[in-house]
Amino acid sequence: MPVHVWAILGLLAGWLGSLVMGERQGFVMNVLVGVIGAILGGFLFSLCGQDAITGLNLWSFFVALVGAIILIAFFRAIRGPQVG
């Protein structure tokens, strides 16, 4: 997939993932979380025998969203409880 398609998919998945998880992130972080989440989601789904990222479609968006949510949850667990 071309880089601009990864960026679009990443932006949408990262943005929606941050909304689901209640995180406040900027534009760049949404793209990064979404793209890394797409890679992570694709890896995890392929381990389970499912199709991974197949292009710019609803299934790929779902895989990227699941990966973004897992990534945000992982960093939230490492960061620990927030005071304030």
PDB file of N, CA and C in Angstrom:
ATOM      1  N   MET A   1       0.850  -1.180   0.000  1.00  0.00           N
ATOM      2  CA  MET A   1       0.000   0.000   0.000  1.00  0.00           C
ATOM      3  C   MET A   1       0.895   1.241   0.000  1.00  0.00           C
ATOM      4  N   PRO A   2       0.505   2.264  -0.735  1.00  0.00           N
ATOM      5  CA  PRO A   2       1.282   3.509  -0.733  1.00  0.00           C
ATOM      6  C   PRO A   2       1.257   4.176   0.651  1.00  0.00           C
ATOM      7  N   VAL A   3       2.253   5.004   0.888  1.00  0.00           N
ATOM      8  CA  VAL A   3       2.405   5.662   2.181  1.00  0.00           C
ATOM      9  C   VAL A   3       1.198   6.530   2.514  1.00  0.00           C
ATOM     10  N   HIS A   4       0.649   7.223   1.540  1.00  0.00           N
ATOM     11  CA  HIS A   4      -0.484   8.108   1.835  1.00  0.00           C
ATOM     12  C   HIS A   4      -1.716   7.306   2.261  1.00  0.00           C
ATOM     13  N   VAL A   5      -1.860   6.074   1.770  1.00  0.00           N
ATOM     14  CA  VAL A   5      -2.982   5.229   2.192  1.00  0.00           C
ATOM     15  C   VAL A   5      -2.779   4.788   3.637  1.00  0.00           C
ATOM     16  N   TRP A   6      -1.532   4.426   3.995  1.00  0.00           N
ATOM     17  CA  TRP A   6      -1.229   4.087   5.391  1.00  0.00           C
ATOM     18  C   TRP A   6      -1.521   5.279   6.308  1.00  0.00           C
ATOM     19  N   ALA A   7      -1.176   6.480   5.852  1.00  0.00           N
ATOM     20  CA  ALA A   7      -1.401   7.670   6.671  1.00  0.00           C
ATOM     21  C   ALA A   7      -2.894   7.926   6.877  1.00  0.00           C
ATOM     22  N   ILE A   8      -3.688   7.768   5.822  1.00  0.00           N
ATOM     23  CA  ILE A   8      -5.138   7.974   5.941  1.00  0.00           C
ATOM     24  C   ILE A   8      -5.747   6.928   6.867  1.00  0.00           C
ATOM     25  N   LEU A   9      -5.401   5.672   6.639  1.00  0.00           N
ATOM     26  CA  LEU A   9      -5.895   4.596   7.487  1.00  0.00           C
ATOM     27  C   LEU A   9      -5.449   4.810   8.936  1.00  0.00           C
ATOM     28  N   GLY A  10      -4.186   5.206   9.104  1.00  0.00           N
ATOM     29  CA  GLY A  10      -3.653   5.456  10.442  1.00  0.00           C
ATOM     30  C   GLY A  10      -4.334   6.603  11.149  1.00  0.00           C
ATOM     31  N   LEU A  11      -4.582   7.682  10.418  1.00  0.00           N
ATOM     32  CA  LEU A  11      -5.254   8.832  11.021  1.00  0.00           C
ATOM     33  C   LEU A  11      -6.634   8.454  11.524  1.00  0.00           C
ATOM     34  N   LEU A  12      -7.395   7.784  10.690  1.00  0.00           N
ATOM     35  CA  LEU A  12      -8.756   7.413  11.083  1.00  0.00           C
ATOM     36  C   LEU A  12      -8.759   6.406  12.239  1.00  0.00           C
ATOM     37  N   ALA A  13      -7.927   5.383  12.146  1.00  0.00           N
ATOM     38  CA  ALA A  13      -7.885   4.366  13.199  1.00  0.00           C
ATOM     39  C   ALA A  13      -7.336   4.940  14.503  1.00  0.00           C
ATOM     40  N   GLY A  14      -6.304   5.756  14.414  1.00  0.00           N
ATOM     41  CA  GLY A  14      -5.732   6.371  15.619  1.00  0.00           C
ATOM     42  C   GLY A  14      -6.698   7.334  16.284  1.00  0.00           C
ATOM     43  N   TRP A  15      -7.399   8.123  15.478  1.00  0.00           N
ATOM     44  CA  TRP A  15      -8.359   9.076  16.021  1.00  0.00           C
ATOM     45  C   TRP A  15      -9.506   8.358  16.719  1.00  0.00           C
ATOM     46  N   LEU A  16     -10.091   7.362  16.038  1.00  0.00           N
ATOM     47  CA  LEU A  16     -11.206   6.638  16.643  1.00  0.00           C
ATOM     48  C   LEU A  16     -10.740   5.818  17.851  1.00  0.00           C
ATOM     49  N   GLY A  17      -9.549   5.230  17.763  1.00  0.00           N
ATOM     50  CA  GLY A  17      -8.999   4.487  18.895  1.00  0.00           C
ATOM     51  C   GLY A  17      -8.786   5.379  20.112  1.00  0.00           C
ATOM     52  N   SER A  18      -8.311   6.597  19.893  1.00  0.00           N
ATOM     53  CA  SER A  18      -8.118   7.510  21.012  1.00  0.00           C
ATOM     54  C   SER A  18      -9.451   7.949  21.603  1.00  0.00           C
ATOM     55  N   LEU A  19     -10.482   8.086  20.778  1.00  0.00           N
ATOM     56  CA  LEU A  19     -11.810   8.407  21.298  1.00  0.00           C
ATOM     57  C   LEU A  19     -12.365   7.259  22.138  1.00  0.00           C
ATOM     58  N   VAL A  20     -12.225   6.043  21.639  1.00  0.00           N
ATOM     59  CA  VAL A  20     -12.720   4.862  22.359  1.00  0.00           C
ATOM     60  C   VAL A  20     -12.016   4.732  23.709  1.00  0.00           C
ATOM     61  N   MET A  21     -10.710   4.992  23.723  1.00  0.00           N
ATOM     62  CA  MET A  21      -9.927   4.820  24.951  1.00  0.00           C
ATOM     63  C   MET A  21      -9.905   6.069  25.828  1.00  0.00           C
ATOM     64  N   GLY A  22     -10.497   7.154  25.377  1.00  0.00           N
ATOM     65  CA  GLY A  22     -10.549   8.378  26.179  1.00  0.00           C
ATOM     66  C   GLY A  22      -9.220   9.104  26.281  1.00  0.00           C
ATOM     67  N   GLU A  23      -8.378   8.961  25.293  1.00  0.00           N
ATOM     68  CA  GLU A  23      -7.076   9.631  25.264  1.00  0.00           C
ATOM     69  C   GLU A  23      -7.179  10.910  24.447  1.00  0.00           C
ATOM     70  N   ARG A  24      -6.484  11.929  24.883  1.00  0.00           N
ATOM     71  CA  ARG A  24      -6.421  13.176  24.116  1.00  0.00           C
ATOM     72  C   ARG A  24      -5.064  13.218  23.425  1.00  0.00           C
ATOM     73  N   GLN A  25      -5.084  13.123  22.116  1.00  0.00           N
ATOM     74  CA  GLN A  25      -3.859  13.109  21.329  1.00  0.00           C
ATOM     75  C   GLN A  25      -3.966  14.125  20.213  1.00  0.00           C
ATOM     76  N   GLY A  26      -2.841  14.512  19.696  1.00  0.00           N
ATOM     77  CA  GLY A  26      -2.826  15.416  18.559  1.00  0.00           C
ATOM     78  C   GLY A  26      -2.867  14.664  17.241  1.00  0.00           C
ATOM     79  N   PHE A  27      -2.848  15.423  16.173  1.00  0.00           N
ATOM     80  CA  PHE A  27      -2.933  14.876  14.817  1.00  0.00           C
ATOM     81  C   PHE A  27      -1.805  13.888  14.534  1.00  0.00           C
ATOM     82  N   VAL A  28      -0.581  14.289  14.823  1.00  0.00           N
ATOM     83  CA  VAL A  28       0.582  13.440  14.533  1.00  0.00           C
ATOM     84  C   VAL A  28       0.531  12.157  15.353  1.00  0.00           C
ATOM     85  N   MET A  29       0.182  12.251  16.620  1.00  0.00           N
ATOM     86  CA  MET A  29       0.100  11.049  17.461  1.00  0.00           C
ATOM     87  C   MET A  29      -1.009  10.127  16.984  1.00  0.00           C
ATOM     88  N   ASN A  30      -2.126  10.677  16.524  1.00  0.00           N
ATOM     89  CA  ASN A  30      -3.196   9.840  15.982  1.00  0.00           C
ATOM     90  C   ASN A  30      -2.705   9.047  14.772  1.00  0.00           C
ATOM     91  N   VAL A  31      -1.974   9.712  13.888  1.00  0.00           N
ATOM     92  CA  VAL A  31      -1.446   9.024  12.709  1.00  0.00           C
ATOM     93  C   VAL A  31      -0.457   7.941  13.129  1.00  0.00           C
ATOM     94  N   LEU A  32       0.470   8.279  14.032  1.00  0.00           N
ATOM     95  CA  LEU A  32       1.473   7.299  14.468  1.00  0.00           C
ATOM     96  C   LEU A  32       0.836   6.105  15.167  1.00  0.00           C
ATOM     97  N   VAL A  33      -0.085   6.372  16.083  1.00  0.00           N
ATOM     98  CA  VAL A  33      -0.755   5.279  16.793  1.00  0.00           C
ATOM     99  C   VAL A  33      -1.548   4.426  15.812  1.00  0.00           C
ATOM    100  N   GLY A  34      -2.192   5.044  14.855  1.00  0.00           N
ATOM    101  CA  GLY A  34      -2.969   4.296  13.878  1.00  0.00           C
ATOM    102  C   GLY A  34      -2.113   3.443  12.960  1.00  0.00           C
ATOM    103  N   VAL A  35      -1.004   3.988  12.465  1.00  0.00           N
ATOM    104  CA  VAL A  35      -0.129   3.224  11.566  1.00  0.00           C
ATOM    105  C   VAL A  35       0.551   2.091  12.325  1.00  0.00           C
ATOM    106  N   ILE A  36       1.080   2.380  13.510  1.00  0.00           N
ATOM    107  CA  ILE A  36       1.704   1.324  14.315  1.00  0.00           C
ATOM    108  C   ILE A  36       0.642   0.318  14.750  1.00  0.00           C
ATOM    109  N   GLY A  37      -0.549   0.806  15.064  1.00  0.00           N
ATOM    110  CA  GLY A  37      -1.651  -0.086  15.410  1.00  0.00           C
ATOM    111  C   GLY A  37      -2.048  -0.980  14.250  1.00  0.00           C
ATOM    112  N   ALA A  38      -1.994  -0.452  13.030  1.00  0.00           N
ATOM    113  CA  ALA A  38      -2.300  -1.263  11.847  1.00  0.00           C
ATOM    114  C   ALA A  38      -1.275  -2.387  11.685  1.00  0.00           C
ATOM    115  N   ILE A  39      -0.018  -2.063  11.913  1.00  0.00           N
ATOM    116  CA  ILE A  39       1.033  -3.083  11.833  1.00  0.00           C
ATOM    117  C   ILE A  39       0.837  -4.121  12.929  1.00  0.00           C
ATOM    118  N   LEU A  40       0.595  -3.649  14.153  1.00  0.00           N
ATOM    119  CA  LEU A  40       0.376  -4.556  15.285  1.00  0.00           C
ATOM    120  C   LEU A  40      -0.873  -5.403  15.070  1.00  0.00           C
ATOM    121  N   GLY A  41      -1.959  -4.778  14.667  1.00  0.00           N
ATOM    122  CA  GLY A  41      -3.202  -5.502  14.414  1.00  0.00           C
ATOM    123  C   GLY A  41      -3.044  -6.521  13.301  1.00  0.00           C
ATOM    124  N   GLY A  42      -2.354  -6.136  12.227  1.00  0.00           N
ATOM    125  CA  GLY A  42      -2.110  -7.063  11.133  1.00  0.00           C
ATOM    126  C   GLY A  42      -1.306  -8.267  11.580  1.00  0.00           C
ATOM    127  N   PHE A  43      -0.304  -8.028  12.418  1.00  0.00           N
ATOM    128  CA  PHE A  43       0.509  -9.121  12.945  1.00  0.00           C
ATOM    129  C   PHE A  43      -0.324 -10.048  13.820  1.00  0.00           C
ATOM    130  N   LEU A  44      -1.102  -9.464  14.734  1.00  0.00           N
ATOM    131  CA  LEU A  44      -1.913 -10.280  15.647  1.00  0.00           C
ATOM    132  C   LEU A  44      -3.008 -11.052  14.910  1.00  0.00           C
ATOM    133  N   PHE A  45      -3.655 -10.407  13.944  1.00  0.00           N
ATOM    134  CA  PHE A  45      -4.699 -11.089  13.185  1.00  0.00           C
ATOM    135  C   PHE A  45      -4.110 -12.210  12.340  1.00  0.00           C
ATOM    136  N   SER A  46      -2.923 -11.998  11.776  1.00  0.00           N
ATOM    137  CA  SER A  46      -2.307 -13.057  10.972  1.00  0.00           C
ATOM    138  C   SER A  46      -1.873 -14.225  11.852  1.00  0.00           C
ATOM    139  N   LEU A  47      -1.491 -13.953  13.098  1.00  0.00           N
ATOM    140  CA  LEU A  47      -1.168 -15.033  14.035  1.00  0.00           C
ATOM    141  C   LEU A  47      -2.392 -15.904  14.315  1.00  0.00           C
ATOM    142  N   CYS A  48      -3.558 -15.277  14.294  1.00  0.00           N
ATOM    143  CA  CYS A  48      -4.812 -16.005  14.542  1.00  0.00           C
ATOM    144  C   CYS A  48      -5.379 -16.629  13.267  1.00  0.00           C
ATOM    145  N   GLY A  49      -4.655 -16.522  12.150  1.00  0.00           N
ATOM    146  CA  GLY A  49      -5.099 -17.119  10.901  1.00  0.00           C
ATOM    147  C   GLY A  49      -6.080 -16.274  10.117  1.00  0.00           C
ATOM    148  N   GLN A  50      -6.245 -15.023  10.480  1.00  0.00           N
ATOM    149  CA  GLN A  50      -7.172 -14.123   9.775  1.00  0.00           C
ATOM    150  C   GLN A  50      -6.404 -13.278   8.762  1.00  0.00           C
ATOM    151  N   ASP A  51      -7.141 -12.693   7.828  1.00  0.00           N
ATOM    152  CA  ASP A  51      -6.523 -11.751   6.898  1.00  0.00           C
ATOM    153  C   ASP A  51      -6.079 -10.520   7.663  1.00  0.00           C
ATOM    154  N   ALA A  52      -4.959  -9.956   7.245  1.00  0.00           N
ATOM    155  CA  ALA A  52      -4.458  -8.742   7.871  1.00  0.00           C
ATOM    156  C   ALA A  52      -4.919  -7.538   7.035  1.00  0.00           C
ATOM    157  N   ILE A  53      -4.091  -6.546   6.921  1.00  0.00           N
ATOM    158  CA  ILE A  53      -4.412  -5.352   6.144  1.00  0.00           C
ATOM    159  C   ILE A  53      -4.452  -5.728   4.665  1.00  0.00           C
ATOM    160  N   THR A  54      -5.591  -5.497   4.021  1.00  0.00           N
ATOM    161  CA  THR A  54      -5.769  -5.920   2.629  1.00  0.00           C
ATOM    162  C   THR A  54      -5.957  -4.746   1.682  1.00  0.00           C
ATOM    163  N   GLY A  55      -5.797  -3.544   2.148  1.00  0.00           N
ATOM    164  CA  GLY A  55      -6.004  -2.359   1.322  1.00  0.00           C
ATOM    165  C   GLY A  55      -6.831  -1.352   2.099  1.00  0.00           C
ATOM    166  N   LEU A  56      -7.328  -0.368   1.415  1.00  0.00           N
ATOM    167  CA  LEU A  56      -8.145   0.662   2.062  1.00  0.00           C
ATOM    168  C   LEU A  56      -9.600   0.212   2.024  1.00  0.00           C
ATOM    169  N   ASN A  57      -9.996  -0.563   3.042  1.00  0.00           N
ATOM    170  CA  ASN A  57     -11.356  -1.080   3.129  1.00  0.00           C
ATOM    171  C   ASN A  57     -11.767  -1.202   4.591  1.00  0.00           C
ATOM    172  N   LEU A  58     -12.998  -1.609   4.824  1.00  0.00           N
ATOM    173  CA  LEU A  58     -13.543  -1.671   6.178  1.00  0.00           C
ATOM    174  C   LEU A  58     -12.810  -2.693   7.044  1.00  0.00           C
ATOM    175  N   TRP A  59     -12.457  -3.845   6.484  1.00  0.00           N
ATOM    176  CA  TRP A  59     -11.746  -4.861   7.261  1.00  0.00           C
ATOM    177  C   TRP A  59     -10.382  -4.339   7.716  1.00  0.00           C
ATOM    178  N   SER A  60      -9.645  -3.713   6.832  1.00  0.00           N
ATOM    179  CA  SER A  60      -8.336  -3.167   7.188  1.00  0.00           C
ATOM    180  C   SER A  60      -8.470  -2.083   8.254  1.00  0.00           C
ATOM    181  N   PHE A  61      -9.519  -1.278   8.135  1.00  0.00           N
ATOM    182  CA  PHE A  61      -9.760  -0.258   9.155  1.00  0.00           C
ATOM    183  C   PHE A  61     -10.035  -0.907  10.505  1.00  0.00           C
ATOM    184  N   PHE A  62     -10.830  -1.975  10.523  1.00  0.00           N
ATOM    185  CA  PHE A  62     -11.122  -2.692  11.764  1.00  0.00           C
ATOM    186  C   PHE A  62      -9.850  -3.263  12.379  1.00  0.00           C
ATOM    187  N   VAL A  63      -9.002  -3.876  11.564  1.00  0.00           N
ATOM    188  CA  VAL A  63      -7.733  -4.447  12.041  1.00  0.00           C
ATOM    189  C   VAL A  63      -6.861  -3.340  12.635  1.00  0.00           C
ATOM    190  N   ALA A  64      -6.770  -2.213  11.939  1.00  0.00           N
ATOM    191  CA  ALA A  64      -5.967  -1.086  12.418  1.00  0.00           C
ATOM    192  C   ALA A  64      -6.549  -0.508  13.706  1.00  0.00           C
ATOM    193  N   LEU A  65      -7.861  -0.419  13.800  1.00  0.00           N
ATOM    194  CA  LEU A  65      -8.511   0.100  15.001  1.00  0.00           C
ATOM    195  C   LEU A  65      -8.246  -0.800  16.206  1.00  0.00           C
ATOM    196  N   VAL A  66      -8.373  -2.104  16.027  1.00  0.00           N
ATOM    197  CA  VAL A  66      -8.088  -3.040  17.114  1.00  0.00           C
ATOM    198  C   VAL A  66      -6.633  -2.909  17.550  1.00  0.00           C
ATOM    199  N   GLY A  67      -5.730  -2.812  16.592  1.00  0.00           N
ATOM    200  CA  GLY A  67      -4.315  -2.638  16.920  1.00  0.00           C
ATOM    201  C   GLY A  67      -4.050  -1.335  17.649  1.00  0.00           C
ATOM    202  N   ALA A  68      -4.704  -0.249  17.227  1.00  0.00           N
ATOM    203  CA  ALA A  68      -4.526   1.051  17.889  1.00  0.00           C
ATOM    204  C   ALA A  68      -5.041   1.007  19.322  1.00  0.00           C
ATOM    205  N   ILE A  69      -6.176   0.367  19.537  1.00  0.00           N
ATOM    206  CA  ILE A  69      -6.727   0.262  20.896  1.00  0.00           C
ATOM    207  C   ILE A  69      -5.798  -0.563  21.785  1.00  0.00           C
ATOM    208  N   ILE A  70      -5.276  -1.663  21.258  1.00  0.00           N
ATOM    209  CA  ILE A  70      -4.332  -2.483  22.027  1.00  0.00           C
ATOM    210  C   ILE A  70      -3.077  -1.678  22.349  1.00  0.00           C
ATOM    211  N   LEU A  71      -2.576  -0.924  21.378  1.00  0.00           N
ATOM    212  CA  LEU A  71      -1.381  -0.105  21.594  1.00  0.00           C
ATOM    213  C   LEU A  71      -1.616   0.960  22.660  1.00  0.00           C
ATOM    214  N   ILE A  72      -2.740   1.645  22.600  1.00  0.00           N
ATOM    215  CA  ILE A  72      -3.055   2.670  23.606  1.00  0.00           C
ATOM    216  C   ILE A  72      -3.198   2.031  24.983  1.00  0.00           C
ATOM    217  N   ALA A  73      -3.863   0.891  25.069  1.00  0.00           N
ATOM    218  CA  ALA A  73      -4.029   0.202  26.350  1.00  0.00           C
ATOM    219  C   ALA A  73      -2.683  -0.246  26.911  1.00  0.00           C
ATOM    220  N   PHE A  74      -1.789  -0.705  26.038  1.00  0.00           N
ATOM    221  CA  PHE A  74      -0.456  -1.129  26.472  1.00  0.00           C
ATOM    222  C   PHE A  74       0.319   0.044  27.074  1.00  0.00           C
ATOM    223  N   PHE A  75       0.334   1.181  26.375  1.00  0.00           N
ATOM    224  CA  PHE A  75       1.055   2.337  26.902  1.00  0.00           C
ATOM    225  C   PHE A  75       0.398   2.914  28.145  1.00  0.00           C
ATOM    226  N   ARG A  76      -0.916   2.809  28.234  1.00  0.00           N
ATOM    227  CA  ARG A  76      -1.605   3.258  29.443  1.00  0.00           C
ATOM    228  C   ARG A  76      -1.203   2.383  30.636  1.00  0.00           C
ATOM    229  N   ALA A  77      -1.069   1.078  30.414  1.00  0.00           N
ATOM    230  CA  ALA A  77      -0.664   0.159  31.481  1.00  0.00           C
ATOM    231  C   ALA A  77       0.770   0.426  31.914  1.00  0.00           C
ATOM    232  N   ILE A  78       1.644   0.736  30.974  1.00  0.00           N
ATOM    233  CA  ILE A  78       3.036   1.038  31.318  1.00  0.00           C
ATOM    234  C   ILE A  78       3.139   2.368  32.061  1.00  0.00           C
ATOM    235  N   ARG A  79       2.372   3.332  31.621  1.00  0.00           N
ATOM    236  CA  ARG A  79       2.414   4.676  32.208  1.00  0.00           C
ATOM    237  C   ARG A  79       1.917   4.672  33.644  1.00  0.00           C
ATOM    238  N   GLY A  80       0.999   3.773  33.966  1.00  0.00           N
ATOM    239  CA  GLY A  80       0.464   3.680  35.311  1.00  0.00           C
ATOM    240  C   GLY A  80      -0.646   4.688  35.549  1.00  0.00           C
ATOM    241  N   PRO A  81      -1.143   4.705  36.778  1.00  0.00           N
ATOM    242  CA  PRO A  81      -2.248   5.628  37.101  1.00  0.00           C
ATOM    243  C   PRO A  81      -1.807   7.083  37.028  1.00  0.00           C
ATOM    244  N   GLN A  82      -2.710   7.905  36.510  1.00  0.00           N
ATOM    245  CA  GLN A  82      -2.449   9.336  36.396  1.00  0.00           C
ATOM    246  C   GLN A  82      -3.006  10.063  37.617  1.00  0.00           C
ATOM    247  N   VAL A  83      -2.218  10.932  38.188  1.00  0.00           N
ATOM    248  CA  VAL A  83      -2.635  11.712  39.343  1.00  0.00           C
ATOM    249  C   VAL A  83      -3.196  13.029  38.856  1.00  0.00           C
ATOM    250  N   GLY A  84      -4.322  13.408  39.409  1.00  0.00           N
ATOM    251  CA  GLY A  84      -4.833  14.730  39.077  1.00  0.00           C
ATOM    252  C   GLY A  84      -6.052  14.683  38.322  1.00  0.00           C
TER     253      GLY A  84
END
